[in-house]
Amino acid sequence: MVINLLFSMMKKLIFNFLLIVQVIGFGQNDTLRNYHANGQLESIGVLIDNKKEGLWMYYNYDGFLRQSINYKNDKFNGLWKNYIINKKNKLVRNENVYVNGRREGLWKYYVDNKLIKEGYIKNKMRQKIWKYYYDNGQLKKETKWKDDKEIYSRYWNENGNEINKEIYYSYWDVNGNKIENSKL
């Protein structure tokens, strides 16, 4: 009898414990939807412990997707895409990669789904090779960057023939003061 009573109390205790854990655990995850005054969805995403987490989608007043942003612990983290319609009625999209709230990594810019330029960002500065394209997809320009300073550029015509090269350099005096920036 005592064992049955203890067993019954233990079952109730475990059940209540699991119920509390479930309410606390799942109560902290909420899908948040915001709406424009016209009733169109403005944004949708998940909050975990009141912080943005995962993919969030943002829409303009007409219901057109204008941004998709990934979050981790309320900071930009992962792919961020922006969409706009420009004055020529063309879709413009850019894609950035964020790490812990900072823009780091590959950046791409498209017009009407054609890649126009791409390059790397680190510490808010252009790095490595940036490429620029003609509308036909042919490489137009290639520029090497280091800490947001141009090192060299190469240019091509729309047929893919190289037409120019530029090398950037600087002069310093014996005290380490920059005298001049120039290019060849």
C-alpha atoms as a PDB file:
ATOM      1  CA  MET A   1       0.000   0.000   0.000  1.00  0.00           C
ATOM      2  CA  VAL A   2       2.732   2.460   0.944  1.00  0.00           C
ATOM      3  CA  ILE A   3       4.718   1.433  -2.123  1.00  0.00           C
ATOM      4  CA  ASN A   4       1.672   2.007  -4.348  1.00  0.00           C
ATOM      5  CA  LEU A   5       1.124   5.416  -2.769  1.00  0.00           C
ATOM      6  CA  LEU A   6       4.798   6.360  -3.236  1.00  0.00           C
ATOM      7  CA  PHE A   7       4.708   5.088  -6.821  1.00  0.00           C
ATOM      8  CA  SER A   8       1.554   7.113  -7.555  1.00  0.00           C
ATOM      9  CA  MET A   9       3.068  10.262  -6.015  1.00  0.00           C
ATOM     10  CA  MET A  10       6.273   9.706  -7.958  1.00  0.00           C
ATOM     11  CA  LYS A  11       4.323   9.390 -11.243  1.00  0.00           C
ATOM     12  CA  LYS A  12       2.471  12.639 -10.506  1.00  0.00           C
ATOM     13  CA  LEU A  13       5.719  14.373  -9.592  1.00  0.00           C
ATOM     14  CA  ILE A  14       7.440  13.215 -12.793  1.00  0.00           C
ATOM     15  CA  PHE A  15       4.395  14.163 -14.886  1.00  0.00           C
ATOM     16  CA  ASN A  16       4.253  17.645 -13.335  1.00  0.00           C
ATOM     17  CA  PHE A  17       8.015  18.081 -13.755  1.00  0.00           C
ATOM     18  CA  LEU A  18       7.842  17.128 -17.442  1.00  0.00           C
ATOM     19  CA  LEU A  19       4.858  19.421 -17.947  1.00  0.00           C
ATOM     20  CA  ILE A  20       6.717  22.358 -16.368  1.00  0.00           C
ATOM     21  CA  VAL A  21       9.848  21.657 -18.430  1.00  0.00           C
ATOM     22  CA  GLN A  22       7.751  21.488 -21.581  1.00  0.00           C
ATOM     23  CA  VAL A  23       5.937  24.750 -20.842  1.00  0.00           C
ATOM     24  CA  ILE A  24       9.160  26.561 -19.948  1.00  0.00           C
ATOM     25  CA  GLY A  25      11.145  25.087 -22.840  1.00  0.00           C
ATOM     26  CA  PHE A  26       8.574  25.554 -25.571  1.00  0.00           C
ATOM     27  CA  GLY A  27       7.115  28.758 -24.189  1.00  0.00           C
ATOM     28  CA  GLN A  28      10.349  30.598 -24.999  1.00  0.00           C
ATOM     29  CA  ASN A  29      10.154  29.911 -28.753  1.00  0.00           C
ATOM     30  CA  ASP A  30       7.720  32.176 -30.559  1.00  0.00           C
ATOM     31  CA  THR A  31       7.099  32.849 -34.220  1.00  0.00           C
ATOM     32  CA  LEU A  32       6.645  36.587 -34.488  1.00  0.00           C
ATOM     33  CA  ARG A  33       4.596  38.112 -37.305  1.00  0.00           C
ATOM     34  CA  ASN A  34       4.318  41.868 -37.844  1.00  0.00           C
ATOM     35  CA  TYR A  35       1.882  43.441 -40.293  1.00  0.00           C
ATOM     36  CA  HIS A  36       1.726  46.708 -42.235  1.00  0.00           C
ATOM     37  CA  ALA A  37      -1.311  48.956 -41.726  1.00  0.00           C
ATOM     38  CA  ASN A  38      -2.810  47.548 -44.957  1.00  0.00           C
ATOM     39  CA  GLY A  39      -2.746  44.014 -43.527  1.00  0.00           C
ATOM     40  CA  GLN A  40       0.233  42.812 -45.588  1.00  0.00           C
ATOM     41  CA  LEU A  41       2.855  40.782 -43.743  1.00  0.00           C
ATOM     42  CA  GLU A  42       5.786  43.021 -42.766  1.00  0.00           C
ATOM     43  CA  SER A  43       8.094  40.460 -41.125  1.00  0.00           C
ATOM     44  CA  ILE A  44       8.156  36.912 -39.853  1.00  0.00           C
ATOM     45  CA  GLY A  45      10.744  35.082 -37.789  1.00  0.00           C
ATOM     46  CA  VAL A  46      11.431  33.113 -34.636  1.00  0.00           C
ATOM     47  CA  LEU A  47      12.271  34.546 -31.227  1.00  0.00           C
ATOM     48  CA  ILE A  48      14.083  32.339 -28.743  1.00  0.00           C
ATOM     49  CA  ASP A  49      14.371  33.880 -25.293  1.00  0.00           C
ATOM     50  CA  ASN A  50      13.262  37.191 -26.874  1.00  0.00           C
ATOM     51  CA  LYS A  51      16.175  37.136 -29.366  1.00  0.00           C
ATOM     52  CA  LYS A  52      15.953  36.751 -33.139  1.00  0.00           C
ATOM     53  CA  GLU A  53      17.089  33.320 -34.285  1.00  0.00           C
ATOM     54  CA  GLY A  54      17.274  31.719 -37.718  1.00  0.00           C
ATOM     55  CA  LEU A  55      15.802  33.081 -40.937  1.00  0.00           C
ATOM     56  CA  TRP A  56      13.729  36.270 -40.787  1.00  0.00           C
ATOM     57  CA  MET A  57      11.830  37.582 -43.801  1.00  0.00           C
ATOM     58  CA  TYR A  58      10.924  41.271 -44.277  1.00  0.00           C
ATOM     59  CA  TYR A  59       8.348  42.503 -46.802  1.00  0.00           C
ATOM     60  CA  ASN A  60       7.437  45.909 -48.189  1.00  0.00           C
ATOM     61  CA  TYR A  61       3.987  47.482 -48.041  1.00  0.00           C
ATOM     62  CA  ASP A  62       2.933  45.692 -51.253  1.00  0.00           C
ATOM     63  CA  GLY A  63       3.975  42.254 -49.992  1.00  0.00           C
ATOM     64  CA  PHE A  64       7.227  42.141 -52.012  1.00  0.00           C
ATOM     65  CA  LEU A  65      10.117  40.406 -50.220  1.00  0.00           C
ATOM     66  CA  ARG A  66      12.738  43.056 -49.486  1.00  0.00           C
ATOM     67  CA  GLN A  67      15.123  41.224 -47.119  1.00  0.00           C
ATOM     68  CA  SER A  68      15.888  37.778 -45.839  1.00  0.00           C
ATOM     69  CA  ILE A  69      18.293  37.795 -42.913  1.00  0.00           C
ATOM     70  CA  ASN A  70      19.745  35.014 -40.794  1.00  0.00           C
ATOM     71  CA  TYR A  71      20.228  35.647 -37.084  1.00  0.00           C
ATOM     72  CA  LYS A  72      22.031  33.858 -34.315  1.00  0.00           C
ATOM     73  CA  ASN A  73      21.445  35.068 -30.771  1.00  0.00           C
ATOM     74  CA  ASP A  74      19.953  38.357 -32.082  1.00  0.00           C
ATOM     75  CA  LYS A  75      22.985  39.147 -34.313  1.00  0.00           C
ATOM     76  CA  PHE A  76      23.243  38.947 -38.097  1.00  0.00           C
ATOM     77  CA  ASN A  77      24.843  35.601 -38.860  1.00  0.00           C
ATOM     78  CA  GLY A  78      24.891  33.906 -42.233  1.00  0.00           C
ATOM     79  CA  LEU A  79      23.408  35.011 -45.519  1.00  0.00           C
ATOM     80  CA  TRP A  80      21.647  38.389 -45.765  1.00  0.00           C
ATOM     81  CA  LYS A  81      19.774  39.157 -49.003  1.00  0.00           C
ATOM     82  CA  ASN A  82      18.321  42.533 -50.037  1.00  0.00           C
ATOM     83  CA  TYR A  83      15.835  42.970 -52.884  1.00  0.00           C
ATOM     84  CA  ILE A  84      14.699  46.219 -54.515  1.00  0.00           C
ATOM     85  CA  ILE A  85      13.150  47.327 -57.794  1.00  0.00           C
ATOM     86  CA  ASN A  86      15.304  50.114 -59.259  1.00  0.00           C
ATOM     87  CA  LYS A  87      14.180  53.145 -61.305  1.00  0.00           C
ATOM     88  CA  LYS A  88      14.498  51.085 -64.499  1.00  0.00           C
ATOM     89  CA  ASN A  89      12.027  48.567 -63.028  1.00  0.00           C
ATOM     90  CA  LYS A  90      14.744  45.923 -62.684  1.00  0.00           C
ATOM     91  CA  LEU A  91      15.164  43.605 -59.729  1.00  0.00           C
ATOM     92  CA  VAL A  92      18.344  44.399 -57.815  1.00  0.00           C
ATOM     93  CA  ARG A  93      19.584  41.865 -55.286  1.00  0.00           C
ATOM     94  CA  ASN A  94      22.672  41.820 -53.146  1.00  0.00           C
ATOM     95  CA  GLU A  95      23.876  39.041 -50.906  1.00  0.00           C
ATOM     96  CA  ASN A  96      26.192  39.520 -47.957  1.00  0.00           C
ATOM     97  CA  VAL A  97      27.583  37.089 -45.426  1.00  0.00           C
ATOM     98  CA  TYR A  98      27.626  38.087 -41.775  1.00  0.00           C
ATOM     99  CA  VAL A  99      29.502  36.467 -38.905  1.00  0.00           C
ATOM    100  CA  ASN A 100      28.568  37.495 -35.349  1.00  0.00           C
ATOM    101  CA  GLY A 101      26.950  40.717 -36.544  1.00  0.00           C
ATOM    102  CA  ARG A 102      29.809  41.778 -38.842  1.00  0.00           C
ATOM    103  CA  ARG A 103      29.842  41.672 -42.630  1.00  0.00           C
ATOM    104  CA  GLU A 104      32.522  39.107 -43.475  1.00  0.00           C
ATOM    105  CA  GLY A 105      32.935  37.009 -46.579  1.00  0.00           C
ATOM    106  CA  LEU A 106      31.554  36.915 -50.092  1.00  0.00           C
ATOM    107  CA  TRP A 107      29.399  39.807 -51.312  1.00  0.00           C
ATOM    108  CA  LYS A 108      27.380  39.539 -54.563  1.00  0.00           C
ATOM    109  CA  TYR A 109      25.332  42.091 -56.486  1.00  0.00           C
ATOM    110  CA  TYR A 110      22.777  41.104 -59.151  1.00  0.00           C
ATOM    111  CA  VAL A 111      20.532  43.029 -61.551  1.00  0.00           C
ATOM    112  CA  ASP A 112      17.671  40.998 -63.051  1.00  0.00           C
ATOM    113  CA  ASN A 113      19.364  37.838 -61.732  1.00  0.00           C
ATOM    114  CA  LYS A 114      22.585  38.590 -63.647  1.00  0.00           C
ATOM    115  CA  LEU A 115      25.719  38.745 -61.518  1.00  0.00           C
ATOM    116  CA  ILE A 116      27.179  42.264 -61.861  1.00  0.00           C
ATOM    117  CA  LYS A 117      29.933  42.195 -59.221  1.00  0.00           C
ATOM    118  CA  GLU A 118      31.277  40.014 -56.443  1.00  0.00           C
ATOM    119  CA  GLY A 119      34.046  40.206 -53.884  1.00  0.00           C
ATOM    120  CA  TYR A 120      35.147  39.633 -50.296  1.00  0.00           C
ATOM    121  CA  ILE A 121      34.685  41.830 -47.248  1.00  0.00           C
ATOM    122  CA  LYS A 122      36.655  41.434 -44.028  1.00  0.00           C
ATOM    123  CA  ASN A 123      36.783  43.925 -41.153  1.00  0.00           C
ATOM    124  CA  LYS A 124      34.478  46.224 -43.189  1.00  0.00           C
ATOM    125  CA  MET A 125      37.103  46.430 -45.966  1.00  0.00           C
ATOM    126  CA  ARG A 126      37.341  45.014 -49.470  1.00  0.00           C
ATOM    127  CA  GLN A 127      39.836  42.164 -49.686  1.00  0.00           C
ATOM    128  CA  LYS A 128      41.123  39.719 -52.305  1.00  0.00           C
ATOM    129  CA  ILE A 129      39.813  39.733 -55.879  1.00  0.00           C
ATOM    130  CA  TRP A 130      36.653  41.640 -56.825  1.00  0.00           C
ATOM    131  CA  LYS A 131      35.078  40.858 -60.185  1.00  0.00           C
ATOM    132  CA  TYR A 132      32.762  43.032 -62.282  1.00  0.00           C
ATOM    133  CA  TYR A 133      30.726  41.663 -65.196  1.00  0.00           C
ATOM    134  CA  TYR A 134      29.053  42.892 -68.381  1.00  0.00           C
ATOM    135  CA  ASP A 135      25.343  42.156 -68.880  1.00  0.00           C
ATOM    136  CA  ASN A 136      26.318  39.243 -71.134  1.00  0.00           C
ATOM    137  CA  GLY A 137      28.170  37.618 -68.204  1.00  0.00           C
ATOM    138  CA  GLN A 138      31.638  38.337 -69.611  1.00  0.00           C
ATOM    139  CA  LEU A 139      34.254  39.503 -67.099  1.00  0.00           C
ATOM    140  CA  LYS A 140      34.640  43.302 -67.351  1.00  0.00           C
ATOM    141  CA  LYS A 141      37.098  44.145 -64.574  1.00  0.00           C
ATOM    142  CA  GLU A 142      39.073  42.331 -61.917  1.00  0.00           C
ATOM    143  CA  THR A 143      40.554  44.275 -59.013  1.00  0.00           C
ATOM    144  CA  LYS A 144      42.775  42.974 -56.228  1.00  0.00           C
ATOM    145  CA  TRP A 145      42.180  44.674 -52.869  1.00  0.00           C
ATOM    146  CA  LYS A 146      44.036  44.592 -49.570  1.00  0.00           C
ATOM    147  CA  ASP A 147      42.519  46.391 -46.591  1.00  0.00           C
ATOM    148  CA  ASP A 148      40.288  48.460 -48.911  1.00  0.00           C
ATOM    149  CA  LYS A 149      43.235  49.634 -51.053  1.00  0.00           C
ATOM    150  CA  GLU A 150      43.521  48.759 -54.741  1.00  0.00           C
ATOM    151  CA  ILE A 151      46.610  46.732 -55.638  1.00  0.00           C
ATOM    152  CA  TYR A 152      45.913  46.216 -59.342  1.00  0.00           C
ATOM    153  CA  SER A 153      43.085  46.120 -61.882  1.00  0.00           C
ATOM    154  CA  ARG A 154      42.650  44.313 -65.192  1.00  0.00           C
ATOM    155  CA  TYR A 155      40.030  45.193 -67.813  1.00  0.00           C
ATOM    156  CA  TRP A 156      38.372  43.217 -70.629  1.00  0.00           C
ATOM    157  CA  ASN A 157      36.052  44.150 -73.472  1.00  0.00           C
ATOM    158  CA  GLU A 158      32.676  42.440 -73.978  1.00  0.00           C
ATOM    159  CA  ASN A 159      34.328  39.828 -76.222  1.00  0.00           C
ATOM    160  CA  GLY A 160      36.695  38.714 -73.453  1.00  0.00           C
ATOM    161  CA  ASN A 161      39.875  40.356 -74.788  1.00  0.00           C
ATOM    162  CA  GLU A 162      42.064  42.003 -72.161  1.00  0.00           C
ATOM    163  CA  ILE A 163      42.343  45.721 -72.906  1.00  0.00           C
ATOM    164  CA  ASN A 164      44.160  47.298 -69.941  1.00  0.00           C
ATOM    165  CA  LYS A 165      46.061  46.697 -66.678  1.00  0.00           C
ATOM    166  CA  GLU A 166      46.693  49.115 -63.837  1.00  0.00           C
ATOM    167  CA  ILE A 167      49.062  48.616 -60.914  1.00  0.00           C
ATOM    168  CA  TYR A 168      48.679  50.900 -57.904  1.00  0.00           C
ATOM    169  CA  TYR A 169      51.613  51.908 -55.734  1.00  0.00           C
ATOM    170  CA  SER A 170      52.634  54.466 -53.124  1.00  0.00           C
ATOM    171  CA  TYR A 171      55.809  56.412 -52.301  1.00  0.00           C
ATOM    172  CA  TRP A 172      57.035  57.076 -48.761  1.00  0.00           C
ATOM    173  CA  ASP A 173      59.797  59.316 -47.479  1.00  0.00           C
ATOM    174  CA  VAL A 174      62.591  58.067 -45.186  1.00  0.00           C
ATOM    175  CA  ASN A 175      60.433  58.831 -42.120  1.00  0.00           C
ATOM    176  CA  GLY A 176      57.619  56.584 -43.346  1.00  0.00           C
ATOM    177  CA  ASN A 177      55.284  59.391 -44.431  1.00  0.00           C
ATOM    178  CA  LYS A 178      53.283  58.730 -47.573  1.00  0.00           C
ATOM    179  CA  ILE A 179      54.237  61.131 -50.348  1.00  0.00           C
ATOM    180  CA  GLU A 180      52.153  59.987 -53.285  1.00  0.00           C
ATOM    181  CA  ASN A 181      49.716  57.380 -54.565  1.00  0.00           C
ATOM    182  CA  SER A 182      49.922  56.563 -58.227  1.00  0.00           C
ATOM    183  CA  LYS A 183      49.249  53.904 -60.831  1.00  0.00           C
ATOM    184  CA  LEU A 184      51.072  52.407 -63.807  1.00  0.00           C
END
